[in-house]
Each structure stands twice: as structure tokens, then as C-alpha cells.
Amino acid sequence: MKQVSLEMGSGGRLMQEFIRERLLPSFKNRYLEELHDSAFLPAGMAFTTDSYTVDPIFFPGGDIGSLSVNGTVNDLVVSGARPEFLSLALIIEEGLDIATLDRILLSIKKTAARNKVAIVTGDTKVVPRGQADKIYINTAGVGRLVGRPQPEKIKPGDKIIVTGPVGEHGLAIMLTRNDFRMSSRVQSDCAPLLFLPPLWKKGALWMRDITRGGLATVLSELADRVRYPLLVEEEKIPLSRSLKGAVEILGIDPLYLACEGRALLVVRENEANQVLSFLKKQPGSRQAAIIGQVQDKTGRPGEALLQTPGGGLRLLEPLTSELLPRIC
């Protein structure tokens, strides 16, 4: 590849290749090589960063401000940390209405307060009109570790859990752009995952928030990491009724649509029902479901397989093209 393409930021195969072939060789060190959502630092701390360019900046269920806080908080949570501090960097296009900026800042303030995190440092840059699109945000976060992903301990029989209906953020953004001239009641699932940290002591071995690339890409990455086949049952994956209707009309696979408030968990087999019961009591995960398991009978090591309602098997692969740019 001689030029940067949109697919390099999609969370799919090309982005993984970019990280593996260019970023890791350039900055190789033991913190970076773990390639989790956060770096594990000395003294039991976790550190993460993310940038947000979502278009439109206001969408059903959230905005670029709430997204920038929740997204970074969630990266810390699924890494085993309780979020404590955030940085906030703004890149603003000349001419942005001050009332719009104030609305975004208020959203950031309220979301940070709900998440009990403090914004302790930041930066602001303004670029000439036409050299950005309204506003971009970068947030970095620091949290204290209460657990830690242990993919090396995952074994056949362990259960795969999703914390709620998938794909709603991606579809909400897609329909808000009005590219398809249709409306829907679907709202973004943009929300914090702060109910998850106790599960590190209740049998959780691994977590990942489901963002770019959707559930299918996260499952594929997990299968590659644990080196066992994963088997997921399509009928058990929760989807909202509104989303089902919209994706059927549009011909879109909901398993590749992004979320911003859902997570995938791997839990020890004998503790999965207890974890599911805990999740169903939390406001943010009442539709959580066990959707499959790690196994060693069907498929080959490193494969994520979807069992269809008819009993067939479909190989889930990472997203290979940019389904929707500027999703987050």
C-alpha cells in the first residue's frame, strides 16, 4: 500500500496490519506489545488514549462529547482498571458556533461527573476554516488496576457473553447521516461500562468493548489470541427489534456494526451463570446473554465460527473494508 486509506482506521484487517507492520516495529517495547485497550504501567496503573472524529457530532443517544469520555472510560474498564483521570484535547475548526462548542463542553462535563472521573489536563488547537470538520477530540485516561485480562488462561468450555444488543451505535450514525433516506427508532448505545470491574473477581478472564469492526471483528481477534476455536450461536446474539428491521431493509450485517456501550466477555464455565445473573441486574446490561463458548471440537485453532439457525457454520473474519468512516 502506497497511500493511507480509510480502511486503515476501520478497526478491521488493514488497521491490524498497519499496527503490526509499522507501529510495533517503530515503537517496540514491552508495554506496547501487549496490544490491549490500555497499557499496563508500573504501580498497578493502566493508561489509554483515543481520538474522536464522529460525524455528525450530535446523534440519537449521544454526541462527540459524551462519546469521548465514555469511550476512554470503557477502554480502561475492559483492561481491568477503575478510571480516575482524563486529559482532554480539542482540535476546533475556525468558525464553529460558540453555542455548539458550549453544548459539547457541557456534555463532557456531565459525562465525566457521571463516570466519577476528573479532567486534569488538556490542550486546544484551532485550525483554519475548511481544514477540519467542526471539532475533533482526543482523550487519554489513567486508572487503577483491579483485575487484568488473562487470555492465556482461557480454555475450552469457557463461556462467551455479550452485555447487550449489538450494532446500535453504528446504525444510529448511519441513519442520522441520512445516506439511506429512512428513519428508525434506533439510538446509539453510547454509555459507560462501569458495572464491569467487579466481574474481574467473579470469573471474568477477558473483556473487550465492541467498537469499530463490530462483534464479528472482536470475536475474530479473540480467537486468534486464545488459539482455540470459538463457537457462537447466531440466535443467541441480542439485537433490538428496530435494528433487525433496518438492517434487513439495508442488507447490512449487524455483526460488523459498531457499539459504544457494549462489551464481550469470556468467563470461566462454572461461573458464567452467576456472571450473567449479575449483569442482568445492571441497568446497562439487562439484555446480556451467553452467546457461545470456547471449544476444541469444531473448527481449527484461531477460528471464530457462527452457528446459523439452520445448523450451518460461518467463519467470522475481521472487517476487510470501511463499512462506515468516522463512526467514533
Protein backbone atom coordinates (compact mmCIF):
# COMPACT_ATOMS: atom_id res chain seq x y z
CA MET A 1 0.00 0.00 0.00
CA LYS A 2 1.45 3.37 -1.08
CA GLN A 3 -1.22 5.64 0.36
CA VAL A 4 -3.29 5.82 3.52
CA SER A 5 -6.85 4.57 3.05
CA LEU A 6 -9.98 4.85 5.17
CA GLU A 7 -9.78 1.14 5.91
CA MET A 8 -6.63 1.71 7.97
CA GLY A 9 -8.79 3.31 10.65
CA SER A 10 -11.72 0.90 10.50
CA GLY A 11 -10.66 -1.44 13.28
CA GLY A 12 -10.50 -4.30 10.76
CA ARG A 13 -7.83 -6.28 8.96
CA LEU A 14 -5.96 -3.34 7.36
CA MET A 15 -5.77 -1.49 10.65
CA GLN A 16 -4.36 -4.60 12.34
CA GLU A 17 -1.76 -4.94 9.59
CA PHE A 18 -0.83 -1.25 9.91
CA ILE A 19 -0.26 -1.66 13.64
CA ARG A 20 1.68 -4.90 13.27
CA GLU A 21 3.84 -3.88 10.30
CA ARG A 22 4.52 -0.20 11.02
CA LEU A 23 3.69 0.92 14.54
CA LEU A 24 5.04 -2.03 16.52
CA PRO A 25 8.43 -2.15 14.72
CA SER A 26 8.78 1.62 15.13
CA PHE A 27 7.99 1.83 18.84
CA LYS A 28 8.65 -1.68 20.13
CA ASN A 29 8.55 -2.02 23.92
CA ARG A 30 7.02 -4.38 26.46
CA TYR A 31 4.09 -2.08 27.28
CA LEU A 32 3.01 -1.64 23.68
CA GLU A 33 3.42 -5.27 22.66
CA GLU A 34 0.52 -6.49 24.79
CA LEU A 35 -1.85 -4.75 22.37
CA HIS A 36 -4.76 -4.45 24.74
CA ASP A 37 -7.11 -1.47 25.01
CA SER A 38 -4.79 0.08 27.59
CA ALA A 39 -1.12 -0.13 28.52
CA PHE A 40 -0.30 -1.71 31.89
CA LEU A 41 2.09 0.59 33.70
CA PRO A 42 4.14 0.17 36.89
CA ALA A 43 2.47 0.71 40.28
CA GLY A 44 -0.76 -1.00 39.17
CA MET A 45 -1.92 1.69 36.74
CA ALA A 46 -3.45 1.50 33.27
CA PHE A 47 -3.16 4.18 30.58
CA THR A 48 -5.12 4.60 27.34
CA THR A 49 -5.81 7.21 24.66
CA ASP A 50 -8.36 7.61 21.88
CA SER A 51 -9.39 10.20 19.31
CA TYR A 52 -12.93 11.02 18.17
CA THR A 53 -13.93 12.37 14.77
CA VAL A 54 -17.55 11.17 14.66
CA ASP A 55 -19.82 12.66 12.00
CA PRO A 56 -22.37 14.02 12.85
CA ILE A 57 -21.18 15.43 16.15
CA PHE A 58 -24.70 15.12 17.61
CA PHE A 59 -26.61 11.88 17.12
CA PRO A 60 -29.50 9.99 18.75
CA GLY A 61 -28.29 8.80 22.13
CA GLY A 62 -25.19 10.97 22.41
CA ASP A 63 -22.68 13.39 20.92
CA ILE A 64 -18.95 13.67 20.35
CA GLY A 65 -18.51 14.95 23.92
CA SER A 66 -20.19 12.06 25.74
CA LEU A 67 -18.58 9.64 23.28
CA SER A 68 -15.07 10.91 24.01
CA VAL A 69 -15.48 10.36 27.76
CA ASN A 70 -17.38 7.06 27.66
CA GLY A 71 -15.08 5.60 25.02
CA THR A 72 -11.91 6.20 27.01
CA VAL A 73 -13.52 5.13 30.29
CA ASN A 74 -14.61 1.88 28.65
CA ASP A 75 -11.12 1.16 27.31
CA LEU A 76 -9.83 1.35 30.88
CA VAL A 77 -12.65 -0.76 32.32
CA VAL A 78 -12.18 -3.68 29.92
CA SER A 79 -8.46 -3.56 30.70
CA GLY A 80 -9.21 -4.19 34.36
CA ALA A 81 -8.94 -0.62 35.66
CA ARG A 82 -11.18 1.76 37.56
CA PRO A 83 -10.96 5.08 35.65
CA GLU A 84 -9.72 8.05 37.65
CA PHE A 85 -8.28 10.81 35.45
CA LEU A 86 -8.71 12.05 31.87
CA SER A 87 -6.97 14.51 29.59
CA LEU A 88 -8.97 16.49 27.05
CA ALA A 89 -7.53 17.82 23.79
CA LEU A 90 -9.70 19.77 21.33
CA ILE A 91 -8.97 20.45 17.66
CA ILE A 92 -11.56 23.03 16.62
CA GLU A 93 -12.29 24.37 13.16
CA GLU A 94 -12.38 28.15 12.81
CA GLY A 95 -15.98 29.32 12.56
CA LEU A 96 -17.56 26.70 14.83
CA ASP A 97 -20.50 28.27 16.60
CA ILE A 98 -19.66 29.01 20.25
CA ALA A 99 -23.09 27.73 21.33
CA THR A 100 -22.24 24.38 19.72
CA LEU A 101 -18.88 24.29 21.50
CA ASP A 102 -20.53 25.11 24.82
CA ARG A 103 -23.05 22.31 24.28
CA ILE A 104 -20.24 19.81 23.70
CA LEU A 105 -18.27 21.01 26.74
CA LEU A 106 -21.36 20.69 28.94
CA SER A 107 -21.87 17.15 27.68
CA ILE A 108 -18.25 16.31 28.52
CA LYS A 109 -18.66 17.81 32.00
CA LYS A 110 -21.84 15.86 32.75
CA THR A 111 -20.48 12.58 31.39
CA ALA A 112 -17.24 12.90 33.36
CA ALA A 113 -19.24 13.59 36.53
CA ARG A 114 -21.43 10.52 35.96
CA ASN A 115 -18.31 8.42 35.46
CA LYS A 116 -16.63 9.96 38.53
CA VAL A 117 -13.50 10.87 36.57
CA ALA A 118 -11.64 14.18 36.73
CA ILE A 119 -10.37 16.02 33.65
CA VAL A 120 -6.98 17.16 34.88
CA THR A 121 -5.09 18.39 31.81
CA GLY A 122 -5.66 19.19 28.15
CA ASP A 123 -4.89 21.22 25.07
CA THR A 124 -6.74 23.32 22.50
CA LYS A 125 -5.83 23.98 18.88
CA VAL A 126 -7.82 25.93 16.29
CA VAL A 127 -7.26 25.22 12.58
CA PRO A 128 -8.31 27.45 9.68
CA ARG A 129 -11.79 27.13 8.23
CA GLY A 130 -12.02 24.18 5.85
CA GLN A 131 -9.04 22.31 7.35
CA ALA A 132 -11.15 20.20 9.76
CA ASP A 133 -14.79 19.31 10.22
CA LYS A 134 -16.18 21.27 13.17
CA ILE A 135 -14.33 19.57 16.04
CA TYR A 136 -12.11 16.56 16.82
CA ILE A 137 -11.44 15.38 20.38
CA ASN A 138 -8.67 13.32 21.95
CA THR A 139 -9.00 11.94 25.46
CA ALA A 140 -6.43 9.94 27.39
CA GLY A 141 -7.24 8.13 30.60
CA VAL A 142 -5.49 6.74 33.66
CA GLY A 143 -7.00 4.20 36.03
CA ARG A 144 -6.03 1.90 38.87
CA LEU A 145 -5.98 -1.82 38.11
CA VAL A 146 -8.46 -4.03 39.99
CA GLY A 147 -8.00 -7.02 37.67
CA ARG A 148 -6.25 -7.92 34.46
CA PRO A 149 -7.17 -9.80 31.28
CA GLN A 150 -5.79 -13.34 31.26
CA PRO A 151 -6.28 -14.67 27.74
CA GLU A 152 -3.64 -17.32 28.39
CA LYS A 153 -6.00 -18.95 30.94
CA ILE A 154 -8.94 -19.27 28.54
CA LYS A 155 -9.74 -22.90 27.81
CA PRO A 156 -12.43 -25.00 26.14
CA GLY A 157 -15.76 -24.78 27.95
CA ASP A 158 -15.38 -21.14 28.98
CA LYS A 159 -18.42 -19.08 28.04
CA ILE A 160 -18.71 -16.03 25.79
CA ILE A 161 -21.05 -13.28 27.00
CA VAL A 162 -22.22 -10.07 25.35
CA THR A 163 -23.57 -7.35 27.64
CA GLY A 164 -26.46 -6.23 25.43
CA PRO A 165 -27.88 -5.73 21.93
CA VAL A 166 -25.15 -5.01 19.39
CA GLY A 167 -24.81 -2.65 16.44
CA GLU A 168 -26.97 0.24 17.63
CA HIS A 169 -24.30 2.95 17.61
CA GLY A 170 -23.21 2.17 14.07
CA LEU A 171 -26.75 2.11 12.73
CA ALA A 172 -27.71 5.30 14.57
CA ILE A 173 -24.79 7.16 12.99
CA MET A 174 -25.53 5.72 9.57
CA LEU A 175 -29.18 6.73 9.62
CA THR A 176 -28.52 10.16 11.13
CA ARG A 177 -26.34 10.96 8.12
CA ASN A 178 -29.45 10.24 6.06
CA ASP A 179 -27.47 8.39 3.40
CA PHE A 180 -30.33 5.91 3.07
CA ARG A 181 -33.36 8.22 3.29
CA MET A 182 -35.03 6.22 6.03
CA SER A 183 -35.77 6.75 9.71
CA SER A 184 -35.58 4.43 12.69
CA ARG A 185 -36.03 4.47 16.46
CA VAL A 186 -32.51 3.10 16.93
CA GLN A 187 -30.36 5.16 19.30
CA SER A 188 -26.64 4.90 19.95
CA ASP A 189 -25.73 2.63 22.85
CA CYS A 190 -23.08 5.19 23.92
CA ALA A 191 -22.70 4.55 27.65
CA PRO A 192 -20.09 3.71 30.30
CA LEU A 193 -19.31 0.12 31.27
CA LEU A 194 -18.59 0.93 34.91
CA PHE A 195 -20.64 -2.03 36.13
CA LEU A 196 -17.98 -4.45 34.81
CA PRO A 197 -15.00 -4.12 37.23
CA PRO A 198 -16.50 -6.41 39.94
CA LEU A 199 -16.56 -9.23 37.39
CA TRP A 200 -12.77 -9.49 37.40
CA LYS A 201 -13.22 -11.23 40.76
CA LYS A 202 -16.26 -13.26 39.66
CA GLY A 203 -14.73 -15.34 36.89
CA ALA A 204 -14.07 -12.94 34.02
CA LEU A 205 -10.89 -13.84 32.13
CA TRP A 206 -11.03 -11.31 29.29
CA MET A 207 -13.10 -8.31 28.17
CA ARG A 208 -13.22 -6.06 25.14
CA ASP A 209 -15.58 -3.23 24.32
CA ILE A 210 -17.22 -3.73 20.93
CA THR A 211 -16.40 -0.69 18.80
CA ARG A 212 -15.09 -0.37 15.23
CA GLY A 213 -15.42 -3.61 13.29
CA GLY A 214 -18.31 -4.81 15.44
CA LEU A 215 -18.85 -8.08 17.25
CA ALA A 216 -17.55 -10.23 14.39
CA THR A 217 -14.16 -8.49 14.35
CA VAL A 218 -13.77 -8.68 18.14
CA LEU A 219 -14.59 -12.40 18.09
CA SER A 220 -12.07 -12.98 15.31
CA GLU A 221 -9.35 -11.14 17.23
CA LEU A 222 -10.16 -13.11 20.38
CA ALA A 223 -9.95 -16.44 18.54
CA ASP A 224 -6.56 -15.50 17.16
CA ARG A 225 -5.32 -14.61 20.63
CA VAL A 226 -6.50 -17.71 22.52
CA ARG A 227 -5.66 -20.20 19.75
CA TYR A 228 -8.85 -22.18 20.28
CA PRO A 229 -11.91 -22.24 18.05
CA LEU A 230 -14.86 -20.14 19.25
CA LEU A 231 -18.42 -21.22 18.53
CA VAL A 232 -21.17 -18.59 18.74
CA GLU A 233 -24.88 -19.21 18.14
CA GLU A 234 -26.45 -16.58 15.90
CA GLU A 235 -29.89 -16.94 17.51
CA LYS A 236 -28.49 -16.07 20.94
CA ILE A 237 -26.91 -12.74 19.90
CA PRO A 238 -29.20 -9.96 21.19
CA LEU A 239 -30.44 -7.49 18.56
CA SER A 240 -33.09 -4.84 19.08
CA ARG A 241 -36.30 -5.13 17.05
CA SER A 242 -35.71 -1.72 15.44
CA LEU A 243 -32.20 -2.67 14.39
CA LYS A 244 -33.34 -6.01 12.94
CA GLY A 245 -35.91 -4.27 10.74
CA ALA A 246 -33.48 -1.64 9.50
CA VAL A 247 -30.58 -3.98 8.66
CA GLU A 248 -32.90 -6.33 6.80
CA ILE A 249 -34.02 -3.46 4.57
CA LEU A 250 -30.47 -2.17 4.08
CA GLY A 251 -28.84 -5.57 3.64
CA ILE A 252 -26.24 -4.84 6.36
CA ASP A 253 -24.68 -7.48 8.60
CA PRO A 254 -25.30 -6.24 12.17
CA LEU A 255 -22.31 -8.21 13.46
CA TYR A 256 -19.99 -5.66 11.80
CA LEU A 257 -21.78 -2.57 13.16
CA ALA A 258 -20.01 -0.66 15.92
CA CYS A 259 -21.18 -0.32 19.52
CA GLU A 260 -20.09 2.26 22.10
CA GLY A 261 -21.54 0.79 25.27
CA ARG A 262 -21.34 -2.98 24.88
CA ALA A 263 -18.64 -5.46 25.81
CA LEU A 264 -17.70 -9.04 25.02
CA LEU A 265 -16.58 -11.17 27.96
CA VAL A 266 -15.02 -14.59 28.36
CA VAL A 267 -15.95 -16.16 31.71
CA ARG A 268 -15.00 -19.41 33.40
CA GLU A 269 -17.53 -22.10 32.61
CA ASN A 270 -18.58 -22.78 36.20
CA GLU A 271 -19.12 -19.08 36.96
CA ALA A 272 -20.88 -17.98 33.76
CA ASN A 273 -24.45 -18.20 35.09
CA GLN A 274 -23.51 -16.19 38.17
CA VAL A 275 -21.92 -13.50 35.98
CA LEU A 276 -24.95 -13.42 33.69
CA SER A 277 -27.26 -13.02 36.69
CA PHE A 278 -25.12 -10.11 37.94
CA LEU A 279 -25.19 -8.42 34.52
CA LYS A 280 -28.96 -8.69 34.16
CA LYS A 281 -29.37 -6.71 37.39
CA GLN A 282 -27.39 -3.75 36.00
CA PRO A 283 -29.27 -1.02 34.08
CA GLY A 284 -26.71 -1.11 31.27
CA SER A 285 -26.81 -4.86 30.64
CA ARG A 286 -30.27 -6.23 31.32
CA GLN A 287 -30.29 -7.96 27.93
CA ALA A 288 -26.90 -9.62 28.43
CA ALA A 289 -26.66 -13.13 27.00
CA ILE A 290 -24.35 -16.13 26.82
CA ILE A 291 -23.85 -16.41 23.07
CA GLY A 292 -21.29 -19.20 22.77
CA GLN A 293 -18.22 -20.87 24.16
CA VAL A 294 -14.58 -21.65 23.66
CA GLN A 295 -14.26 -25.20 22.34
CA ASP A 296 -11.85 -27.64 20.73
CA LYS A 297 -14.10 -29.92 18.68
CA THR A 298 -15.44 -27.85 15.78
CA GLY A 299 -13.18 -25.78 13.57
CA ARG A 300 -9.48 -25.09 13.76
CA PRO A 301 -7.47 -23.18 16.35
CA GLY A 302 -7.84 -19.45 15.85
CA GLU A 303 -11.23 -19.62 14.11
CA ALA A 304 -14.40 -17.84 15.25
CA LEU A 305 -17.42 -19.73 13.96
CA LEU A 306 -21.06 -18.63 13.83
CA GLN A 307 -23.68 -21.35 14.00
CA THR A 308 -26.67 -20.25 11.92
CA PRO A 309 -30.30 -21.06 12.80
CA GLY A 310 -30.25 -23.77 10.13
CA GLY A 311 -27.28 -25.50 11.75
CA GLY A 312 -24.63 -24.34 9.28
CA LEU A 313 -21.32 -22.78 10.22
CA ARG A 314 -19.95 -19.45 9.02
CA LEU A 315 -16.40 -18.24 9.57
CA LEU A 316 -16.27 -14.79 11.15
CA GLU A 317 -13.40 -12.68 9.84
CA PRO A 318 -12.17 -9.17 10.69
CA LEU A 319 -13.77 -6.31 8.82
CA THR A 320 -11.95 -6.01 5.49
CA SER A 321 -13.32 -2.68 4.24
CA GLU A 322 -14.54 0.55 5.78
CA LEU A 323 -18.24 -0.04 6.43
CA LEU A 324 -18.79 3.48 7.77
CA PRO A 325 -15.99 6.05 8.24
CA ARG A 326 -15.95 8.43 11.21
CA ILE A 327 -18.09 6.20 13.38
CA CYS A 328 -16.39 7.33 16.59
